[in-house]
């Protein structure tokens, strides 16, 4: 395996981990909102904040990471 292949393999792992962790955070927010996980009847405010963080991480995180990698590769 060439060093370039190894670099892209690591980057793909980071990219996938970012997407999966954002998805897990989203589901945690759903559980907080609609279950008795935090308090009886659910915690709408806290759940919505966690859902928003999960969506931002899952959707915008990879875009920002790709932009960072493109800047790094140009140097």
C-alpha atoms as a PDB file:
ATOM      1  CA  UNK A   1       0.000   0.000   0.000  1.00  0.00           C
ATOM      2  CA  UNK A   2       1.416   3.373  -0.975  1.00  0.00           C
ATOM      3  CA  UNK A   3       1.616   6.279   1.485  1.00  0.00           C
ATOM      4  CA  UNK A   4      -1.068   8.083  -0.541  1.00  0.00           C
ATOM      5  CA  UNK A   5      -3.422   5.098  -0.179  1.00  0.00           C
ATOM      6  CA  UNK A   6      -2.782   5.011   3.549  1.00  0.00           C
ATOM      7  CA  UNK A   7      -3.567   8.727   3.854  1.00  0.00           C
ATOM      8  CA  UNK A   8      -6.897   8.331   2.049  1.00  0.00           C
ATOM      9  CA  UNK A   9      -7.754   5.267   4.102  1.00  0.00           C
ATOM     10  CA  UNK A  10      -7.272   7.272   7.303  1.00  0.00           C
ATOM     11  CA  UNK A  11      -9.286  10.157   5.901  1.00  0.00           C
ATOM     12  CA  UNK A  12     -12.144   7.868   4.945  1.00  0.00           C
ATOM     13  CA  UNK A  13     -12.165   6.421   8.467  1.00  0.00           C
ATOM     14  CA  UNK A  14     -12.363   9.904   9.991  1.00  0.00           C
ATOM     15  CA  UNK A  15     -15.095  10.887   7.517  1.00  0.00           C
ATOM     16  CA  UNK A  16     -17.167   7.787   8.303  1.00  0.00           C
ATOM     17  CA  UNK A  17     -16.681   8.207  12.056  1.00  0.00           C
ATOM     18  CA  UNK A  18     -17.888  11.811  11.827  1.00  0.00           C
ATOM     19  CA  UNK A  19     -21.034  10.783   9.958  1.00  0.00           C
ATOM     20  CA  UNK A  20     -21.825   7.881  12.306  1.00  0.00           C
ATOM     21  CA  UNK A  21     -21.240   9.921  15.458  1.00  0.00           C
ATOM     22  CA  UNK A  22     -23.538  12.661  14.118  1.00  0.00           C
ATOM     23  CA  UNK A  23     -26.217  10.073  13.446  1.00  0.00           C
ATOM     24  CA  UNK A  24     -25.850   8.629  16.951  1.00  0.00           C
ATOM     25  CA  UNK A  25     -26.090  12.113  18.443  1.00  0.00           C
ATOM     26  CA  UNK A  26     -29.254  12.711  16.411  1.00  0.00           C
ATOM     27  CA  UNK A  27     -30.818   9.500  17.727  1.00  0.00           C
ATOM     28  CA  UNK A  28     -29.800  10.399  21.280  1.00  0.00           C
ATOM     29  CA  UNK A  29     -31.609  13.709  20.835  1.00  0.00           C
ATOM     30  CA  UNK A  30     -34.693  11.868  19.597  1.00  0.00           C
ATOM     31  CA  UNK A  31     -34.565   9.608  22.649  1.00  0.00           C
ATOM     32  CA  UNK A  32     -34.209  12.600  24.977  1.00  0.00           C
ATOM     33  CA  UNK A  33     -37.139  14.351  23.299  1.00  0.00           C
ATOM     34  CA  UNK A  34     -39.628  11.505  23.123  1.00  0.00           C
ATOM     35  CA  UNK A  35     -38.759   9.164  25.992  1.00  0.00           C
ATOM     36  CA  UNK A  36     -38.309   9.300  29.740  1.00  0.00           C
ATOM     37  CA  UNK A  37     -34.519   9.233  29.407  1.00  0.00           C
ATOM     38  CA  UNK A  38     -33.898  12.612  31.059  1.00  0.00           C
ATOM     39  CA  UNK A  39     -37.242  13.351  32.709  1.00  0.00           C
ATOM     40  CA  UNK A  40     -40.748  11.900  32.592  1.00  0.00           C
ATOM     41  CA  UNK A  41     -42.576  12.981  29.458  1.00  0.00           C
ATOM     42  CA  UNK A  42     -39.407  13.906  27.582  1.00  0.00           C
ATOM     43  CA  UNK A  43     -37.281  17.046  27.483  1.00  0.00           C
ATOM     44  CA  UNK A  44     -38.219  18.928  24.325  1.00  0.00           C
ATOM     45  CA  UNK A  45     -35.733  21.805  24.631  1.00  0.00           C
ATOM     46  CA  UNK A  46     -32.685  19.693  25.415  1.00  0.00           C
ATOM     47  CA  UNK A  47     -33.643  17.088  22.842  1.00  0.00           C
ATOM     48  CA  UNK A  48     -33.963  19.661  20.076  1.00  0.00           C
ATOM     49  CA  UNK A  49     -30.546  21.107  20.883  1.00  0.00           C
ATOM     50  CA  UNK A  50     -28.945  17.650  20.770  1.00  0.00           C
ATOM     51  CA  UNK A  51     -30.793  16.813  17.528  1.00  0.00           C
ATOM     52  CA  UNK A  52     -29.521  20.050  15.980  1.00  0.00           C
ATOM     53  CA  UNK A  53     -25.959  19.320  17.032  1.00  0.00           C
ATOM     54  CA  UNK A  54     -26.194  15.833  15.558  1.00  0.00           C
ATOM     55  CA  UNK A  55     -27.518  17.143  12.253  1.00  0.00           C
ATOM     56  CA  UNK A  56     -24.836  19.813  12.018  1.00  0.00           C
ATOM     57  CA  UNK A  57     -22.129  17.267  12.776  1.00  0.00           C
ATOM     58  CA  UNK A  58     -23.452  14.695  10.312  1.00  0.00           C
ATOM     59  CA  UNK A  59     -24.202  17.091   7.456  1.00  0.00           C
ATOM     60  CA  UNK A  60     -21.777  20.011   7.733  1.00  0.00           C
ATOM     61  CA  UNK A  61     -18.853  18.284   9.427  1.00  0.00           C
ATOM     62  CA  UNK A  62     -17.749  16.259   6.380  1.00  0.00           C
ATOM     63  CA  UNK A  63     -18.033  19.324   4.125  1.00  0.00           C
ATOM     64  CA  UNK A  64     -15.813  21.380   6.422  1.00  0.00           C
ATOM     65  CA  UNK A  65     -13.392  18.483   6.789  1.00  0.00           C
ATOM     66  CA  UNK A  66     -13.133  18.115   3.003  1.00  0.00           C
ATOM     67  CA  UNK A  67     -12.416  21.825   2.634  1.00  0.00           C
ATOM     68  CA  UNK A  68      -9.691  21.577   5.269  1.00  0.00           C
ATOM     69  CA  UNK A  69      -8.117  18.609   3.505  1.00  0.00           C
ATOM     70  CA  UNK A  70      -8.181  20.416   0.148  1.00  0.00           C
ATOM     71  CA  UNK A  71      -6.362  23.387   1.712  1.00  0.00           C
ATOM     72  CA  UNK A  72      -3.820  21.056   3.298  1.00  0.00           C
ATOM     73  CA  UNK A  73      -3.214  19.191   0.033  1.00  0.00           C
ATOM     74  CA  UNK A  74      -2.602  22.415  -1.909  1.00  0.00           C
ATOM     75  CA  UNK A  75       0.336  23.320   0.330  1.00  0.00           C
END
